[in-house]
Structure formats: structure tokens, C-alpha cells
Amino acid sequence: MNVEKTAAIFLGCSLFAASSGITSAYLKSEPRILSNRVSAGSVYVKLTEPAWDPQKAQDMHPSDAVPKNPTATNTGKSDAWIFLHLSVPVKRISVVDPESRRKLDPSDQELFSFTANGAWELVSQKPAGGTVEYVYGYRELVAPSETTVPLFDEVVLVNYLEGEIGREEELHLTIRAEAIQDHVCPPGADLAEIYTYLPQRDIG
């Protein structure tokens, strides 16, 4: 079977929280571009964040939101199904109940939350060694030179208590884009099945 695929950009994000005074955080984007071709075709995908502004991500406080809108562009020559893999860090911390405003007992908490755009379908969600791994598939084929709508428009920092995230800790919110050409899957296959046709491997 001739499968053409690209795994493109990692957008690493580091979080730093002060543990004295007013607790604040700094979210930093550190893009790394990887382009890999599996066969002699041209299925490529480019991941960008047009709204990302590092200045707006400085001095974040619990429950603060920062613009972050990952979009994928088909830079190849074939129609492609596009998937985004999102890795959200998890930490056992105490948070504030949004209704009672009281401290809750420590529990495993995703440190960032988001609301996915309806153009993307959740393919899988599972815990994996200190993170929760999400895979979203774009509901429509993406033609060459076309760009998806953002997976989401912002991420929100968890409402953690002061001191629960240490100043020296470094956390990463990573996103990976993958694409596979049309016609490699049975007609009518859903996104979850199409995703299984991608070579499953770690890229980093």
C-alpha cells in the first residue's frame, strides 16, 4: 500500500509559576519544524499559530486564557486527511472549585484546557505517563494549499493554588500535525479508521 505522510511541527510550550507573592505563569512557544516523507509522493502539512503572541503569554495567572490557534495547511500536491495530536501535561495538584471557591483535595489535573472547534472530530483521548494525549481529525479532505480552521482559539491555565506549580518546573504543551493522502482507505471509512493507516511512531 502506498502511504504518503508528513509529520510536521512541534509547538513546545513551557510554563513557569512563581510560588510566592501573586502566583503567575509564563507560557513560551518554541517551534521545531520536522518534515518527513515516507514515499515518493507529496503529502505535506504545515502547522502554524497565527494568533500566537509570546508577549500575551507572560505573567499568566490561574484561569487566564492566552490566544493559541493551531491550524494546518496542506502544502503538498494531493488531497489529504489531516490530524492533530495534542499532548497536555498532567500534574497532581489542588485546584479551586469554580462554584464554591474552596480548595479541592489533590488530584491529577490537566494543566491546560481548550474548546475544540466543531470542524475537528475527537478521534482518541487517553492518559500516557504524565500527559493526556488527544488526537483530532479534520472532518473534511483538505485540498492542496488549503488551510484548516483552528483546532481551538485559546488555551486556559488551570485554576491552581499558589505554590502548587513550582517556579523551576518546565511543562510542555505539544502539538503534532500528520497527514495521509486520500484513496488509501476504504470508501466511507471514518476518521478513526483512517488514522490507523498512518504509520504509528514517535517523532521528537
Protein backbone atom coordinates (compact mmCIF):
# COMPACT_ATOMS: atom_id res chain seq x y z
CA MET A 1 0.00 0.00 0.00
CA ASN A 2 1.39 3.38 -0.97
CA VAL A 3 1.04 5.68 2.01
CA GLU A 4 2.39 9.21 1.92
CA LYS A 5 2.68 11.11 5.13
CA THR A 6 4.14 14.11 6.85
CA ALA A 7 4.67 14.76 10.49
CA ALA A 8 5.31 18.45 10.85
CA ILE A 9 5.64 20.93 13.65
CA PHE A 10 6.00 20.59 17.36
CA LEU A 11 4.92 23.67 19.27
CA GLY A 12 6.51 23.25 22.68
CA CYS A 13 5.17 25.40 25.47
CA SER A 14 6.86 25.93 28.79
CA LEU A 15 5.07 27.03 31.92
CA PHE A 16 6.74 28.70 34.86
CA ALA A 17 4.85 29.61 38.01
CA ALA A 18 6.13 31.71 40.88
CA SER A 19 5.47 30.26 44.32
CA SER A 20 5.49 33.47 46.32
CA GLY A 21 3.52 36.70 46.14
CA ILE A 22 0.94 36.68 43.37
CA THR A 23 1.22 33.40 41.51
CA SER A 24 1.81 33.92 37.82
CA ALA A 25 2.86 31.82 34.84
CA TYR A 26 4.80 32.28 31.63
CA LEU A 27 3.82 30.32 28.55
CA LYS A 28 6.56 30.17 25.92
CA SER A 29 6.31 28.85 22.36
CA GLU A 30 9.37 27.05 20.99
CA PRO A 31 8.55 25.79 17.47
CA ARG A 32 10.56 22.99 15.89
CA ILE A 33 9.87 22.02 12.28
CA LEU A 34 10.19 18.41 11.15
CA SER A 35 9.34 17.29 7.63
CA ASN A 36 9.43 13.58 6.76
CA ARG A 37 8.37 11.93 3.52
CA VAL A 38 7.60 8.22 3.65
CA SER A 39 7.17 7.56 -0.09
CA ALA A 40 7.79 9.30 -3.40
CA GLY A 41 4.74 11.50 -3.32
CA SER A 42 3.88 14.87 -1.91
CA VAL A 43 1.65 14.82 1.13
CA TYR A 44 2.97 17.52 3.41
CA VAL A 45 1.36 19.50 6.19
CA LYS A 46 2.47 22.73 7.84
CA LEU A 47 1.33 23.67 11.34
CA THR A 48 1.09 27.35 12.31
CA GLU A 49 -0.46 29.53 15.04
CA PRO A 50 -1.36 32.93 13.51
CA ALA A 51 -2.68 34.40 16.75
CA TRP A 52 0.20 33.31 18.96
CA ASP A 53 1.92 36.26 20.66
CA PRO A 54 4.55 35.38 23.29
CA GLN A 55 4.06 38.75 24.99
CA LYS A 56 0.42 37.93 25.74
CA ALA A 57 1.51 34.69 27.38
CA GLN A 58 3.66 36.32 30.03
CA ASP A 59 2.57 36.74 33.65
CA MET A 60 -0.40 34.41 33.34
CA HIS A 61 -2.43 33.74 36.47
CA PRO A 62 -4.63 30.74 37.33
CA SER A 63 -7.60 30.53 34.93
CA ASP A 64 -6.02 33.01 32.50
CA ALA A 65 -6.54 32.36 28.78
CA VAL A 66 -3.99 33.01 26.06
CA PRO A 67 -4.68 33.08 22.28
CA LYS A 68 -3.38 29.91 20.64
CA ASN A 69 -4.92 28.76 17.37
CA PRO A 70 -3.15 25.82 15.70
CA THR A 71 -4.07 25.50 12.03
CA ALA A 72 -2.75 23.06 9.43
CA THR A 73 -2.04 23.78 5.77
CA ASN A 74 -1.76 21.11 3.08
CA THR A 75 1.49 22.08 1.36
CA GLY A 76 1.62 19.01 -0.85
CA LYS A 77 0.05 18.14 -4.20
CA SER A 78 -2.61 15.63 -3.11
CA ASP A 79 -5.85 15.92 -1.17
CA ALA A 80 -5.18 14.85 2.40
CA TRP A 81 -6.81 13.88 5.65
CA ILE A 82 -5.22 15.92 8.44
CA PHE A 83 -4.87 15.00 12.10
CA LEU A 84 -3.55 16.97 15.06
CA HIS A 85 -2.03 15.22 18.05
CA LEU A 86 -2.13 17.28 21.25
CA SER A 87 -0.22 16.36 24.40
CA VAL A 88 -1.49 18.12 27.55
CA PRO A 89 0.61 17.89 30.74
CA VAL A 90 -0.97 16.47 33.89
CA LYS A 91 0.06 17.14 37.49
CA ARG A 92 -1.33 16.06 40.85
CA ILE A 93 -2.29 19.38 42.42
CA SER A 94 -5.00 21.15 44.38
CA VAL A 95 -7.31 23.45 42.46
CA VAL A 96 -10.13 25.82 43.35
CA ASP A 97 -13.71 24.66 42.86
CA PRO A 98 -15.27 27.13 40.38
CA GLU A 99 -18.59 27.20 42.25
CA SER A 100 -17.73 27.04 45.95
CA ARG A 101 -14.34 28.76 45.51
CA ARG A 102 -12.93 26.26 48.01
CA LYS A 103 -9.75 24.27 47.76
CA LEU A 104 -10.23 20.73 46.48
CA ASP A 105 -8.18 17.72 47.51
CA PRO A 106 -5.13 17.00 45.32
CA SER A 107 -5.93 15.08 42.15
CA ASP A 108 -4.48 14.59 38.68
CA GLN A 109 -5.30 17.73 36.71
CA GLU A 110 -4.73 18.67 33.09
CA LEU A 111 -2.83 21.95 33.32
CA PHE A 112 -4.42 23.44 30.21
CA SER A 113 -7.97 23.28 28.88
CA PHE A 114 -9.42 24.19 25.49
CA THR A 115 -12.62 24.06 23.46
CA ALA A 116 -12.24 22.27 20.14
CA ASN A 117 -13.78 23.73 17.00
CA GLY A 118 -16.67 21.70 15.56
CA ALA A 119 -14.76 21.22 12.29
CA TRP A 120 -12.48 18.82 14.18
CA GLU A 121 -13.54 15.40 15.49
CA LEU A 122 -12.04 13.79 18.58
CA VAL A 123 -10.50 10.51 17.42
CA SER A 124 -8.92 9.41 20.69
CA GLN A 125 -8.15 10.60 24.21
CA LYS A 126 -6.03 8.67 26.68
CA PRO A 127 -3.63 9.19 29.61
CA ALA A 128 0.02 8.50 28.89
CA GLY A 129 2.67 8.92 31.57
CA GLY A 130 2.09 12.41 32.91
CA THR A 131 0.05 13.69 29.97
CA VAL A 132 -3.31 13.26 28.30
CA GLU A 133 -2.94 12.54 24.60
CA TYR A 134 -5.63 13.84 22.25
CA VAL A 135 -5.96 13.09 18.53
CA TYR A 136 -8.33 15.22 16.45
CA GLY A 137 -9.13 14.64 12.80
CA TYR A 138 -10.35 17.29 10.37
CA ARG A 139 -13.83 16.34 9.18
CA GLU A 140 -13.18 17.28 5.53
CA LEU A 141 -10.49 16.45 3.00
CA VAL A 142 -8.01 19.31 2.70
CA ALA A 143 -7.02 20.21 -0.86
CA PRO A 144 -3.50 21.37 -1.75
CA SER A 145 -2.75 24.89 -0.47
CA GLU A 146 -5.88 24.91 1.72
CA THR A 147 -5.77 25.58 5.47
CA THR A 148 -7.96 24.13 8.19
CA VAL A 149 -9.84 26.21 10.70
CA PRO A 150 -8.05 26.32 14.08
CA LEU A 151 -8.34 23.31 16.36
CA PHE A 152 -9.11 25.84 19.10
CA ASP A 153 -8.69 29.57 19.64
CA GLU A 154 -7.13 29.70 23.09
CA VAL A 155 -5.85 27.62 25.96
CA VAL A 156 -6.75 28.23 29.60
CA LEU A 157 -4.40 27.68 32.51
CA VAL A 158 -5.86 25.51 35.28
CA ASN A 159 -7.12 27.33 38.36
CA TYR A 160 -4.34 26.04 40.61
CA LEU A 161 -3.47 27.19 44.11
CA GLU A 162 -0.39 29.28 44.78
CA GLY A 163 2.67 27.10 45.22
CA GLU A 164 1.18 24.03 43.51
CA ILE A 165 3.35 24.61 40.42
CA GLY A 166 6.98 25.30 41.27
CA ARG A 167 8.94 28.15 39.78
CA GLU A 168 11.61 25.80 38.45
CA GLU A 169 9.23 23.37 36.78
CA GLU A 170 9.08 23.25 32.98
CA LEU A 171 5.97 21.85 31.33
CA HIS A 172 5.32 21.29 27.64
CA LEU A 173 2.12 21.56 25.64
CA THR A 174 2.94 19.97 22.29
CA ILE A 175 1.04 19.68 19.03
CA ARG A 176 1.96 17.44 16.10
CA ALA A 177 0.35 17.55 12.66
CA GLU A 178 0.03 14.45 10.50
CA ALA A 179 -1.49 13.89 7.08
CA ILE A 180 -2.36 10.98 4.84
CA GLN A 181 -3.44 11.10 1.21
CA ASP A 182 -6.94 10.29 0.09
CA HIS A 183 -7.74 6.91 -1.52
CA VAL A 184 -5.54 4.84 0.82
CA CYS A 185 -8.54 3.85 2.94
CA PRO A 186 -11.77 2.02 2.10
CA PRO A 187 -14.54 4.29 0.81
CA GLY A 188 -16.68 5.61 3.63
CA ALA A 189 -14.08 4.98 6.35
CA ASP A 190 -14.48 7.22 9.37
CA LEU A 191 -11.66 9.34 10.79
CA ALA A 192 -10.78 6.83 13.50
CA GLU A 193 -10.22 4.14 10.85
CA ILE A 194 -8.35 6.50 8.53
CA TYR A 195 -6.00 7.39 11.38
CA THR A 196 -4.95 3.73 11.73
CA TYR A 197 -3.46 3.89 8.22
CA LEU A 198 -0.85 6.37 9.41
CA PRO A 199 2.43 4.76 10.48
CA GLN A 200 2.27 4.92 14.28
CA ARG A 201 5.61 6.12 15.59
CA ASP A 202 7.08 8.73 17.91
CA ILE A 203 8.62 11.83 16.38
CA GLY A 204 10.74 14.07 18.50
